[in-house]
């Protein structure tokens, strides 16, 4: 039915303009949290088996071992929170992790971060990936995540079979390469079909066109 043109697909969409990179928001947020000289690896989401949350800590543990300026910003909550905190203590990286709990003021943190880590065991299309990419953040996905999540060529896909050393190397290299040239990728994410305004207009046209067909 899809090949016959009888199915229309409307993408998961975000407000790309709202999630555009803003250097002033970045400056203010990093100053507020004392991150001016840090390389901030970020994660926003539920702490669950699906998100591979404990392994994410192990990956960052290797990043922290190689890069003293690295800091992990965790935003969210979930059933694996205690296990994650125990892993942080076990690895001795308490001073390189800021856990900020559940928050609604997410936009400022995309700006303040230097990359985003999402080594999920499985996903649909992760909205956080689109938001982070729109804000110019390199994304580190597991290869279990759909390639559609790479909306503007900032996505790095790494197999979960790879060692934490491989993950850490790619994270550090990509962060350092992107930080001096950081810019908004909102237009690219929009052009890939993920802008909420454009998709709303398309959906409206879809309904109006079908109403007209029924009226004939």
Foldseek 3Di string as FASTA:
>chain_A
DVVVVPDDDADAADALVLLAADLVLQVVVCVVVVLPQAQEEEEADECDLQQVNQVVLVLVLLLCVVDVRYAYEYEEYYDCVVVNVVSCVVSVPPVRYDYDYHDDPCSSVLNNHLAYEGAGPADAQDPVLLSSVQHQHQYEYEPRYDPLSCQDVSYDYHHPVDDSNVVSVVVVVSSVVQVVVGGGPSVSNVVSNRHPVVSVVVVVVVVVVVVVVVVD
